[in-house]
């Protein structure tokens, strides 16, 4: 089933990670389809066999490269793929058949200075929790010892990484 056909009536949110890749760096693409229900956007669960035609090309160029996209096994509402670009400048990611939605990706030179943000700019993954399953949490430390989190203080009665404190 073609993505454009299967997603008729859908809007797509497309993101790349990192958002400003360097030349030659692998860039992850996430596609999230949404349907409008009652005037609000809701995640759309499309069949696993849905085939998206996604291309990436240098902005203004005629030659495009296809990007393989498949449904994420951990989250059925997310479709992922990856690509690499060989030249700096503005690139466009587009879903074929959806003329209005495209994503501009600005590619920096390979030698561009790295920032702290570079290590944080990665795909956002939230595991899907089946209905009726309890929310996963870490086990509380009965002694309230938070030193494992980098703080030297112990809070009486604290059961997690956050505890109320008095302002000084």
C-alpha atoms as a PDB file:
ATOM      1  CA  UNK A   1       0.000   0.000   0.000  1.00  0.00           C
ATOM      2  CA  UNK A   2       1.504   3.369  -0.986  1.00  0.00           C
ATOM      3  CA  UNK A   3       2.086   5.790   1.885  1.00  0.00           C
ATOM      4  CA  UNK A   4       0.276   8.585   0.078  1.00  0.00           C
ATOM      5  CA  UNK A   5      -2.741   6.339  -0.493  1.00  0.00           C
ATOM      6  CA  UNK A   6      -2.710   4.749   2.971  1.00  0.00           C
ATOM      7  CA  UNK A   7      -2.291   8.112   4.609  1.00  0.00           C
ATOM      8  CA  UNK A   8      -5.014   9.897   2.653  1.00  0.00           C
ATOM      9  CA  UNK A   9      -6.326  12.553   4.976  1.00  0.00           C
ATOM     10  CA  UNK A  10      -3.147  12.399   7.070  1.00  0.00           C
ATOM     11  CA  UNK A  11      -0.622  15.062   7.888  1.00  0.00           C
ATOM     12  CA  UNK A  12       2.978  14.063   8.496  1.00  0.00           C
ATOM     13  CA  UNK A  13       5.444  15.466  10.980  1.00  0.00           C
ATOM     14  CA  UNK A  14       8.927  14.884   9.585  1.00  0.00           C
ATOM     15  CA  UNK A  15      12.101  15.492  11.600  1.00  0.00           C
ATOM     16  CA  UNK A  16      15.783  14.781  11.046  1.00  0.00           C
ATOM     17  CA  UNK A  17      18.370  13.951  13.698  1.00  0.00           C
ATOM     18  CA  UNK A  18      20.751  15.607  13.959  1.00  0.00           C
ATOM     19  CA  UNK A  19      18.792  18.632  12.772  1.00  0.00           C
ATOM     20  CA  UNK A  20      21.975  20.205  11.319  1.00  0.00           C
ATOM     21  CA  UNK A  21      24.164  17.298  10.192  1.00  0.00           C
ATOM     22  CA  UNK A  22      27.708  17.553   8.877  1.00  0.00           C
ATOM     23  CA  UNK A  23      28.840  16.352   5.469  1.00  0.00           C
ATOM     24  CA  UNK A  24      29.028  12.532   5.488  1.00  0.00           C
ATOM     25  CA  UNK A  25      27.201  12.145   8.817  1.00  0.00           C
ATOM     26  CA  UNK A  26      24.357   9.625   8.983  1.00  0.00           C
ATOM     27  CA  UNK A  27      21.077  11.453   9.485  1.00  0.00           C
ATOM     28  CA  UNK A  28      18.047   9.681  10.945  1.00  0.00           C
ATOM     29  CA  UNK A  29      14.645  10.623   9.571  1.00  0.00           C
ATOM     30  CA  UNK A  30      11.461  10.200  11.613  1.00  0.00           C
ATOM     31  CA  UNK A  31       8.035  10.390  10.015  1.00  0.00           C
ATOM     32  CA  UNK A  32       4.912  10.528  12.179  1.00  0.00           C
ATOM     33  CA  UNK A  33       1.518  10.391  10.439  1.00  0.00           C
ATOM     34  CA  UNK A  34      -1.460  12.156  12.040  1.00  0.00           C
ATOM     35  CA  UNK A  35      -5.190  12.250  11.255  1.00  0.00           C
ATOM     36  CA  UNK A  36      -7.516  15.100  12.111  1.00  0.00           C
ATOM     37  CA  UNK A  37     -10.369  13.907  14.326  1.00  0.00           C
ATOM     38  CA  UNK A  38     -12.801  16.431  15.736  1.00  0.00           C
ATOM     39  CA  UNK A  39     -10.490  19.293  14.768  1.00  0.00           C
ATOM     40  CA  UNK A  40      -7.520  17.801  16.666  1.00  0.00           C
ATOM     41  CA  UNK A  41      -4.505  15.888  15.381  1.00  0.00           C
ATOM     42  CA  UNK A  42      -4.211  12.280  16.559  1.00  0.00           C
ATOM     43  CA  UNK A  43      -1.412   9.795  15.762  1.00  0.00           C
ATOM     44  CA  UNK A  44      -2.414   7.569  12.832  1.00  0.00           C
ATOM     45  CA  UNK A  45      -1.682   3.842  12.992  1.00  0.00           C
ATOM     46  CA  UNK A  46      -1.012   2.791   9.407  1.00  0.00           C
ATOM     47  CA  UNK A  47      -0.511  -0.804   8.222  1.00  0.00           C
ATOM     48  CA  UNK A  48       3.033  -2.147   8.633  1.00  0.00           C
ATOM     49  CA  UNK A  49       3.204  -2.803   4.880  1.00  0.00           C
ATOM     50  CA  UNK A  50       2.656   0.866   4.008  1.00  0.00           C
ATOM     51  CA  UNK A  51       5.319   1.994   1.536  1.00  0.00           C
ATOM     52  CA  UNK A  52       6.425   5.603   1.770  1.00  0.00           C
ATOM     53  CA  UNK A  53       8.231   7.239  -1.139  1.00  0.00           C
ATOM     54  CA  UNK A  54      10.629   9.637   0.537  1.00  0.00           C
ATOM     55  CA  UNK A  55      13.377  11.474  -1.343  1.00  0.00           C
ATOM     56  CA  UNK A  56      16.237  13.772  -0.382  1.00  0.00           C
ATOM     57  CA  UNK A  57      17.898  16.191  -2.785  1.00  0.00           C
ATOM     58  CA  UNK A  58      19.995  19.298  -2.713  1.00  0.00           C
ATOM     59  CA  UNK A  59      17.594  22.244  -2.722  1.00  0.00           C
ATOM     60  CA  UNK A  60      17.013  23.300  -6.321  1.00  0.00           C
ATOM     61  CA  UNK A  61      18.646  20.191  -7.820  1.00  0.00           C
ATOM     62  CA  UNK A  62      16.772  17.758 -10.057  1.00  0.00           C
ATOM     63  CA  UNK A  63      18.596  14.585  -8.978  1.00  0.00           C
ATOM     64  CA  UNK A  64      17.094  12.988  -5.856  1.00  0.00           C
ATOM     65  CA  UNK A  65      17.972   9.960  -3.754  1.00  0.00           C
ATOM     66  CA  UNK A  66      15.307   7.636  -2.328  1.00  0.00           C
ATOM     67  CA  UNK A  67      15.268   7.130   1.442  1.00  0.00           C
ATOM     68  CA  UNK A  68      14.046   3.755   2.686  1.00  0.00           C
ATOM     69  CA  UNK A  69      11.545   4.229   5.510  1.00  0.00           C
ATOM     70  CA  UNK A  70      10.008   1.499   7.674  1.00  0.00           C
ATOM     71  CA  UNK A  71       7.779   1.340  10.725  1.00  0.00           C
ATOM     72  CA  UNK A  72       9.722   1.456  13.986  1.00  0.00           C
ATOM     73  CA  UNK A  73       9.391  -1.937  15.749  1.00  0.00           C
ATOM     74  CA  UNK A  74       9.221  -0.247  19.167  1.00  0.00           C
ATOM     75  CA  UNK A  75       6.642   2.395  18.237  1.00  0.00           C
ATOM     76  CA  UNK A  76       4.087   1.632  15.499  1.00  0.00           C
ATOM     77  CA  UNK A  77       3.263   5.347  15.130  1.00  0.00           C
ATOM     78  CA  UNK A  78       6.796   6.244  13.963  1.00  0.00           C
ATOM     79  CA  UNK A  79       8.462   5.475  10.624  1.00  0.00           C
ATOM     80  CA  UNK A  80      12.252   5.768  10.406  1.00  0.00           C
ATOM     81  CA  UNK A  81      14.958   5.814   7.770  1.00  0.00           C
ATOM     82  CA  UNK A  82      18.446   7.225   7.361  1.00  0.00           C
ATOM     83  CA  UNK A  83      20.532   8.986   4.757  1.00  0.00           C
ATOM     84  CA  UNK A  84      23.916  10.672   4.266  1.00  0.00           C
ATOM     85  CA  UNK A  85      24.667  13.753   2.231  1.00  0.00           C
ATOM     86  CA  UNK A  86      27.952  14.356   0.484  1.00  0.00           C
ATOM     87  CA  UNK A  87      27.949  18.138   0.203  1.00  0.00           C
ATOM     88  CA  UNK A  88      27.223  21.065   2.493  1.00  0.00           C
ATOM     89  CA  UNK A  89      24.327  23.419   1.921  1.00  0.00           C
ATOM     90  CA  UNK A  90      20.529  23.244   1.972  1.00  0.00           C
ATOM     91  CA  UNK A  91      18.886  19.875   1.290  1.00  0.00           C
ATOM     92  CA  UNK A  92      15.193  19.024   1.034  1.00  0.00           C
ATOM     93  CA  UNK A  93      13.463  15.881   2.327  1.00  0.00           C
ATOM     94  CA  UNK A  94      10.096  15.289   0.686  1.00  0.00           C
ATOM     95  CA  UNK A  95       7.357  12.672   0.718  1.00  0.00           C
ATOM     96  CA  UNK A  96       6.496  11.981  -2.940  1.00  0.00           C
ATOM     97  CA  UNK A  97       2.843  12.714  -3.613  1.00  0.00           C
ATOM     98  CA  UNK A  98       2.590  15.249  -0.809  1.00  0.00           C
ATOM     99  CA  UNK A  99       3.627  18.446  -2.571  1.00  0.00           C
ATOM    100  CA  UNK A 100       3.049  20.786   0.350  1.00  0.00           C
ATOM    101  CA  UNK A 101       5.142  19.107   3.071  1.00  0.00           C
ATOM    102  CA  UNK A 102       8.920  19.134   2.907  1.00  0.00           C
ATOM    103  CA  UNK A 103      11.738  19.415   5.408  1.00  0.00           C
ATOM    104  CA  UNK A 104      14.773  21.612   4.891  1.00  0.00           C
ATOM    105  CA  UNK A 105      18.019  20.210   6.284  1.00  0.00           C
ATOM    106  CA  UNK A 106      21.037  22.524   6.456  1.00  0.00           C
ATOM    107  CA  UNK A 107      24.234  20.489   6.150  1.00  0.00           C
ATOM    108  CA  UNK A 108      27.362  21.939   7.773  1.00  0.00           C
ATOM    109  CA  UNK A 109      30.927  21.307   6.573  1.00  0.00           C
ATOM    110  CA  UNK A 110      32.573  18.164   7.941  1.00  0.00           C
ATOM    111  CA  UNK A 111      35.060  20.353   9.865  1.00  0.00           C
ATOM    112  CA  UNK A 112      32.405  22.503  11.618  1.00  0.00           C
ATOM    113  CA  UNK A 113      32.983  22.947  15.375  1.00  0.00           C
ATOM    114  CA  UNK A 114      31.046  20.524  17.571  1.00  0.00           C
ATOM    115  CA  UNK A 115      28.783  21.871  20.306  1.00  0.00           C
ATOM    116  CA  UNK A 116      27.167  20.302  23.369  1.00  0.00           C
ATOM    117  CA  UNK A 117      23.887  20.263  21.458  1.00  0.00           C
ATOM    118  CA  UNK A 118      25.380  17.839  18.891  1.00  0.00           C
ATOM    119  CA  UNK A 119      25.451  15.020  21.456  1.00  0.00           C
ATOM    120  CA  UNK A 120      21.864  15.738  22.576  1.00  0.00           C
ATOM    121  CA  UNK A 121      20.290  16.153  19.129  1.00  0.00           C
ATOM    122  CA  UNK A 122      19.103  12.598  18.466  1.00  0.00           C
ATOM    123  CA  UNK A 123      15.839  10.771  17.710  1.00  0.00           C
ATOM    124  CA  UNK A 124      13.235  11.008  20.439  1.00  0.00           C
ATOM    125  CA  UNK A 125      12.066   7.526  21.405  1.00  0.00           C
ATOM    126  CA  UNK A 126       9.170   6.775  23.702  1.00  0.00           C
ATOM    127  CA  UNK A 127       8.326   3.106  24.146  1.00  0.00           C
ATOM    128  CA  UNK A 128       4.728   2.126  23.506  1.00  0.00           C
ATOM    129  CA  UNK A 129       2.946   0.883  26.636  1.00  0.00           C
ATOM    130  CA  UNK A 130       0.030  -1.479  26.068  1.00  0.00           C
ATOM    131  CA  UNK A 131      -3.315  -0.488  27.626  1.00  0.00           C
ATOM    132  CA  UNK A 132      -3.655  -1.821  31.162  1.00  0.00           C
ATOM    133  CA  UNK A 133       0.109  -2.125  31.685  1.00  0.00           C
ATOM    134  CA  UNK A 134       1.523  -0.262  34.661  1.00  0.00           C
ATOM    135  CA  UNK A 135       3.794   2.686  33.935  1.00  0.00           C
ATOM    136  CA  UNK A 136       7.471   1.709  34.120  1.00  0.00           C
ATOM    137  CA  UNK A 137       9.338   3.478  36.911  1.00  0.00           C
ATOM    138  CA  UNK A 138      12.598   3.004  38.702  1.00  0.00           C
ATOM    139  CA  UNK A 139      12.452   1.522  42.174  1.00  0.00           C
ATOM    140  CA  UNK A 140      12.617   4.087  44.985  1.00  0.00           C
ATOM    141  CA  UNK A 141      15.609   4.119  47.284  1.00  0.00           C
ATOM    142  CA  UNK A 142      14.127   3.464  50.762  1.00  0.00           C
ATOM    143  CA  UNK A 143      16.878   5.482  52.462  1.00  0.00           C
ATOM    144  CA  UNK A 144      16.342   8.531  50.242  1.00  0.00           C
ATOM    145  CA  UNK A 145      20.009   8.387  49.205  1.00  0.00           C
ATOM    146  CA  UNK A 146      20.364  10.574  46.123  1.00  0.00           C
ATOM    147  CA  UNK A 147      24.164  10.540  45.968  1.00  0.00           C
ATOM    148  CA  UNK A 148      24.000   8.193  42.963  1.00  0.00           C
ATOM    149  CA  UNK A 149      22.442  11.101  41.056  1.00  0.00           C
ATOM    150  CA  UNK A 150      25.276  13.491  41.773  1.00  0.00           C
ATOM    151  CA  UNK A 151      23.922  15.266  44.844  1.00  0.00           C
ATOM    152  CA  UNK A 152      25.602  14.977  48.228  1.00  0.00           C
ATOM    153  CA  UNK A 153      22.406  15.507  50.191  1.00  0.00           C
ATOM    154  CA  UNK A 154      20.025  12.954  51.647  1.00  0.00           C
ATOM    155  CA  UNK A 155      16.375  13.852  52.035  1.00  0.00           C
ATOM    156  CA  UNK A 156      14.324  12.179  54.713  1.00  0.00           C
ATOM    157  CA  UNK A 157      11.279  10.505  53.184  1.00  0.00           C
ATOM    158  CA  UNK A 158      12.426  11.166  49.602  1.00  0.00           C
ATOM    159  CA  UNK A 159      11.380   8.339  47.284  1.00  0.00           C
ATOM    160  CA  UNK A 160      12.756   9.502  43.981  1.00  0.00           C
ATOM    161  CA  UNK A 161      15.231  11.733  42.242  1.00  0.00           C
ATOM    162  CA  UNK A 162      13.249  14.888  43.081  1.00  0.00           C
ATOM    163  CA  UNK A 163      12.454  16.118  46.557  1.00  0.00           C
ATOM    164  CA  UNK A 164      11.065  19.336  47.987  1.00  0.00           C
ATOM    165  CA  UNK A 165      13.679  21.677  49.414  1.00  0.00           C
ATOM    166  CA  UNK A 166      13.541  24.939  51.327  1.00  0.00           C
ATOM    167  CA  UNK A 167      14.783  27.966  49.463  1.00  0.00           C
ATOM    168  CA  UNK A 168      17.620  29.789  51.174  1.00  0.00           C
END
